[in-house]
């Protein structure tokens, strides 16, 4: 929690970049570092 991470995707799609806000059984929630609006959240499935 609190770490800044980048989740890479394929060459066709950009990945997600942000700060880890929460980790649970189903999702990791990031505060999006590339969003126009501050405080935008992204949920990445754990599996």
PDB file of N, CA and C in Angstrom:
ATOM      1  N   UNK A   1       0.844  -1.157   0.000  1.00  0.00           N
ATOM      2  CA  UNK A   1       0.000   0.000   0.000  1.00  0.00           C
ATOM      3  C   UNK A   1       0.901   1.235   0.000  1.00  0.00           C
ATOM      4  N   UNK A   2       0.504   2.210  -0.814  1.00  0.00           N
ATOM      5  CA  UNK A   2       1.265   3.439  -0.914  1.00  0.00           C
ATOM      6  C   UNK A   2       2.341   3.412  -1.984  1.00  0.00           C
ATOM      7  N   UNK A   3       2.684   2.215  -2.499  1.00  0.00           N
ATOM      8  CA  UNK A   3       3.701   2.117  -3.546  1.00  0.00           C
ATOM      9  C   UNK A   3       3.159   2.636  -4.868  1.00  0.00           C
ATOM     10  N   UNK A   4       4.043   3.167  -5.688  1.00  0.00           N
ATOM     11  CA  UNK A   4       3.699   3.581  -7.042  1.00  0.00           C
ATOM     12  C   UNK A   4       4.092   2.441  -7.968  1.00  0.00           C
ATOM     13  N   UNK A   5       3.115   1.962  -8.761  1.00  0.00           N
ATOM     14  CA  UNK A   5       3.371   0.823  -9.642  1.00  0.00           C
ATOM     15  C   UNK A   5       2.863   1.111 -11.048  1.00  0.00           C
ATOM     16  N   UNK A   6       3.357   0.323 -11.996  1.00  0.00           N
ATOM     17  CA  UNK A   6       2.856   0.349 -13.365  1.00  0.00           C
ATOM     18  C   UNK A   6       2.541  -1.081 -13.750  1.00  0.00           C
ATOM     19  N   UNK A   7       1.312  -1.313 -14.200  1.00  0.00           N
ATOM     20  CA  UNK A   7       0.868  -2.625 -14.648  1.00  0.00           C
ATOM     21  C   UNK A   7       0.910  -2.590 -16.164  1.00  0.00           C
ATOM     22  N   UNK A   8       1.781  -3.407 -16.752  1.00  0.00           N
ATOM     23  CA  UNK A   8       1.951  -3.403 -18.203  1.00  0.00           C
ATOM     24  C   UNK A   8       0.912  -4.284 -18.862  1.00  0.00           C
ATOM     25  N   UNK A   9       0.465  -3.853 -20.040  1.00  0.00           N
ATOM     26  CA  UNK A   9      -0.483  -4.613 -20.842  1.00  0.00           C
ATOM     27  C   UNK A   9       0.217  -4.947 -22.153  1.00  0.00           C
ATOM     28  N   UNK A  10      -0.514  -5.311 -23.158  1.00  0.00           N
ATOM     29  CA  UNK A  10       0.076  -5.622 -24.459  1.00  0.00           C
ATOM     30  C   UNK A  10       0.539  -4.338 -25.139  1.00  0.00           C
ATOM     31  N   UNK A  11       1.237  -4.481 -26.239  1.00  0.00           N
ATOM     32  CA  UNK A  11       1.745  -3.327 -26.983  1.00  0.00           C
ATOM     33  C   UNK A  11       0.613  -2.468 -27.546  1.00  0.00           C
ATOM     34  N   UNK A  12      -0.555  -3.068 -27.788  1.00  0.00           N
ATOM     35  CA  UNK A  12      -1.683  -2.327 -28.355  1.00  0.00           C
ATOM     36  C   UNK A  12      -2.407  -1.471 -27.326  1.00  0.00           C
ATOM     37  N   UNK A  13      -2.347  -1.879 -26.058  1.00  0.00           N
ATOM     38  CA  UNK A  13      -3.076  -1.160 -25.010  1.00  0.00           C
ATOM     39  C   UNK A  13      -2.087  -0.653 -23.963  1.00  0.00           C
ATOM     40  N   UNK A  14      -2.273   0.577 -23.516  1.00  0.00           N
ATOM     41  CA  UNK A  14      -1.394   1.066 -22.446  1.00  0.00           C
ATOM     42  C   UNK A  14      -1.726   0.386 -21.123  1.00  0.00           C
ATOM     43  N   UNK A  15      -0.780   0.362 -20.234  1.00  0.00           N
ATOM     44  CA  UNK A  15      -1.009  -0.217 -18.915  1.00  0.00           C
ATOM     45  C   UNK A  15      -1.575   0.819 -17.959  1.00  0.00           C
ATOM     46  N   UNK A  16      -1.614   0.463 -16.688  1.00  0.00           N
ATOM     47  CA  UNK A  16      -2.112   1.363 -15.647  1.00  0.00           C
ATOM     48  C   UNK A  16      -0.929   1.829 -14.808  1.00  0.00           C
ATOM     49  N   UNK A  17      -0.948   3.100 -14.433  1.00  0.00           N
ATOM     50  CA  UNK A  17       0.121   3.691 -13.635  1.00  0.00           C
ATOM     51  C   UNK A  17      -0.516   4.435 -12.480  1.00  0.00           C
ATOM     52  N   UNK A  18      -0.054   4.149 -11.258  1.00  0.00           N
ATOM     53  CA  UNK A  18      -0.643   4.848 -10.127  1.00  0.00           C
ATOM     54  C   UNK A  18      -0.124   4.378  -8.783  1.00  0.00           C
ATOM     55  N   UNK A  19      -0.742   4.883  -7.728  1.00  0.00           N
ATOM     56  CA  UNK A  19      -0.374   4.561  -6.349  1.00  0.00           C
ATOM     57  C   UNK A  19      -1.381   3.576  -5.782  1.00  0.00           C
ATOM     58  N   UNK A  20      -0.880   2.516  -5.147  1.00  0.00           N
ATOM     59  CA  UNK A  20      -1.742   1.483  -4.569  1.00  0.00           C
ATOM     60  C   UNK A  20      -2.486   2.061  -3.372  1.00  0.00           C
ATOM     61  N   UNK A  21      -3.820   2.025  -3.450  1.00  0.00           N
ATOM     62  CA  UNK A  21      -4.690   2.535  -2.390  1.00  0.00           C
ATOM     63  C   UNK A  21      -5.219   1.397  -1.525  1.00  0.00           C
ATOM     64  N   UNK A  22      -5.576   0.266  -2.168  1.00  0.00           N
ATOM     65  CA  UNK A  22      -6.169  -0.853  -1.438  1.00  0.00           C
ATOM     66  C   UNK A  22      -5.873  -2.147  -2.178  1.00  0.00           C
ATOM     67  N   UNK A  23      -5.715  -3.225  -1.425  1.00  0.00           N
ATOM     68  CA  UNK A  23      -5.545  -4.563  -1.991  1.00  0.00           C
ATOM     69  C   UNK A  23      -6.528  -5.469  -1.263  1.00  0.00           C
ATOM     70  N   UNK A  24      -7.374  -6.165  -2.031  1.00  0.00           N
ATOM     71  CA  UNK A  24      -8.274  -7.139  -1.404  1.00  0.00           C
ATOM     72  C   UNK A  24      -8.284  -8.413  -2.233  1.00  0.00           C
ATOM     73  N   UNK A  25      -9.151  -9.331  -1.900  1.00  0.00           N
ATOM     74  CA  UNK A  25      -9.171 -10.640  -2.534  1.00  0.00           C
ATOM     75  C   UNK A  25      -9.470 -10.568  -4.035  1.00  0.00           C
ATOM     76  N   UNK A  26     -10.270  -9.598  -4.465  1.00  0.00           N
ATOM     77  CA  UNK A  26     -10.687  -9.520  -5.855  1.00  0.00           C
ATOM     78  C   UNK A  26      -9.962  -8.463  -6.682  1.00  0.00           C
ATOM     79  N   UNK A  27      -9.616  -7.331  -6.084  1.00  0.00           N
ATOM     80  CA  UNK A  27      -9.062  -6.204  -6.839  1.00  0.00           C
ATOM     81  C   UNK A  27      -7.913  -5.530  -6.099  1.00  0.00           C
ATOM     82  N   UNK A  28      -7.025  -4.913  -6.885  1.00  0.00           N
ATOM     83  CA  UNK A  28      -6.060  -3.943  -6.372  1.00  0.00           C
ATOM     84  C   UNK A  28      -6.530  -2.594  -6.877  1.00  0.00           C
ATOM     85  N   UNK A  29      -6.690  -1.639  -5.993  1.00  0.00           N
ATOM     86  CA  UNK A  29      -7.181  -0.316  -6.351  1.00  0.00           C
ATOM     87  C   UNK A  29      -6.013   0.658  -6.411  1.00  0.00           C
ATOM     88  N   UNK A  30      -5.915   1.363  -7.542  1.00  0.00           N
ATOM     89  CA  UNK A  30      -4.861   2.355  -7.750  1.00  0.00           C
ATOM     90  C   UNK A  30      -5.467   3.738  -7.874  1.00  0.00           C
ATOM     91  N   UNK A  31      -4.754   4.751  -7.395  1.00  0.00           N
ATOM     92  CA  UNK A  31      -5.090   6.135  -7.695  1.00  0.00           C
ATOM     93  C   UNK A  31      -4.355   6.451  -8.988  1.00  0.00           C
ATOM     94  N   UNK A  32      -5.101   6.697 -10.056  1.00  0.00           N
ATOM     95  CA  UNK A  32      -4.554   6.855 -11.406  1.00  0.00           C
ATOM     96  C   UNK A  32      -3.635   8.071 -11.495  1.00  0.00           C
ATOM     97  N   UNK A  33      -2.379   7.840 -11.894  1.00  0.00           N
ATOM     98  CA  UNK A  33      -1.402   8.918 -12.016  1.00  0.00           C
ATOM     99  C   UNK A  33      -1.518   9.652 -13.348  1.00  0.00           C
ATOM    100  N   UNK A  34      -2.242   9.083 -14.313  1.00  0.00           N
ATOM    101  CA  UNK A  34      -2.329   9.688 -15.648  1.00  0.00           C
ATOM    102  C   UNK A  34      -3.669  10.348 -15.919  1.00  0.00           C
ATOM    103  N   UNK A  35      -4.589  10.306 -14.969  1.00  0.00           N
ATOM    104  CA  UNK A  35      -5.933  10.856 -15.173  1.00  0.00           C
ATOM    105  C   UNK A  35      -5.912  12.381 -15.123  1.00  0.00           C
ATOM    106  N   UNK A  36      -6.806  12.988 -15.878  1.00  0.00           N
ATOM    107  CA  UNK A  36      -6.941  14.444 -15.884  1.00  0.00           C
ATOM    108  C   UNK A  36      -7.488  14.947 -14.548  1.00  0.00           C
ATOM    109  N   UNK A  37      -8.389  14.185 -13.950  1.00  0.00           N
ATOM    110  CA  UNK A  37      -8.989  14.530 -12.651  1.00  0.00           C
ATOM    111  C   UNK A  37      -8.192  13.884 -11.524  1.00  0.00           C
ATOM    112  N   UNK A  38      -7.663  14.638 -10.583  1.00  0.00           N
ATOM    113  CA  UNK A  38      -6.983  14.020  -9.439  1.00  0.00           C
ATOM    114  C   UNK A  38      -7.963  13.179  -8.616  1.00  0.00           C
ATOM    115  N   UNK A  39      -7.464  12.082  -8.077  1.00  0.00           N
ATOM    116  CA  UNK A  39      -8.312  11.221  -7.248  1.00  0.00           C
ATOM    117  C   UNK A  39      -9.066  10.159  -8.020  1.00  0.00           C
ATOM    118  N   UNK A  40      -8.807  10.033  -9.324  1.00  0.00           N
ATOM    119  CA  UNK A  40      -9.460   9.002 -10.127  1.00  0.00           C
ATOM    120  C   UNK A  40      -8.892   7.635  -9.740  1.00  0.00           C
ATOM    121  N   UNK A  41      -9.768   6.658  -9.511  1.00  0.00           N
ATOM    122  CA  UNK A  41      -9.365   5.332  -9.085  1.00  0.00           C
ATOM    123  C   UNK A  41      -9.506   4.320 -10.223  1.00  0.00           C
ATOM    124  N   UNK A  42      -8.621   3.323 -10.213  1.00  0.00           N
ATOM    125  CA  UNK A  42      -8.649   2.210 -11.169  1.00  0.00           C
ATOM    126  C   UNK A  42      -8.665   0.935 -10.340  1.00  0.00           C
ATOM    127  N   UNK A  43      -9.507  -0.028 -10.717  1.00  0.00           N
ATOM    128  CA  UNK A  43      -9.484  -1.333 -10.062  1.00  0.00           C
ATOM    129  C   UNK A  43      -8.936  -2.353 -11.051  1.00  0.00           C
ATOM    130  N   UNK A  44      -7.888  -3.052 -10.616  1.00  0.00           N
ATOM    131  CA  UNK A  44      -7.241  -4.080 -11.414  1.00  0.00           C
ATOM    132  C   UNK A  44      -7.604  -5.434 -10.794  1.00  0.00           C
ATOM    133  N   UNK A  45      -8.174  -6.361 -11.578  1.00  0.00           N
ATOM    134  CA  UNK A  45      -8.482  -7.673 -11.002  1.00  0.00           C
ATOM    135  C   UNK A  45      -7.212  -8.346 -10.491  1.00  0.00           C
ATOM    136  N   UNK A  46      -7.315  -9.017  -9.352  1.00  0.00           N
ATOM    137  CA  UNK A  46      -6.171  -9.688  -8.760  1.00  0.00           C
ATOM    138  C   UNK A  46      -5.722 -10.868  -9.614  1.00  0.00           C
ATOM    139  N   UNK A  47      -6.633 -11.506 -10.230  1.00  0.00           N
ATOM    140  CA  UNK A  47      -6.285 -12.659 -11.068  1.00  0.00           C
ATOM    141  C   UNK A  47      -6.613 -12.387 -12.486  1.00  0.00           C
TER     142      UNK A  47
END
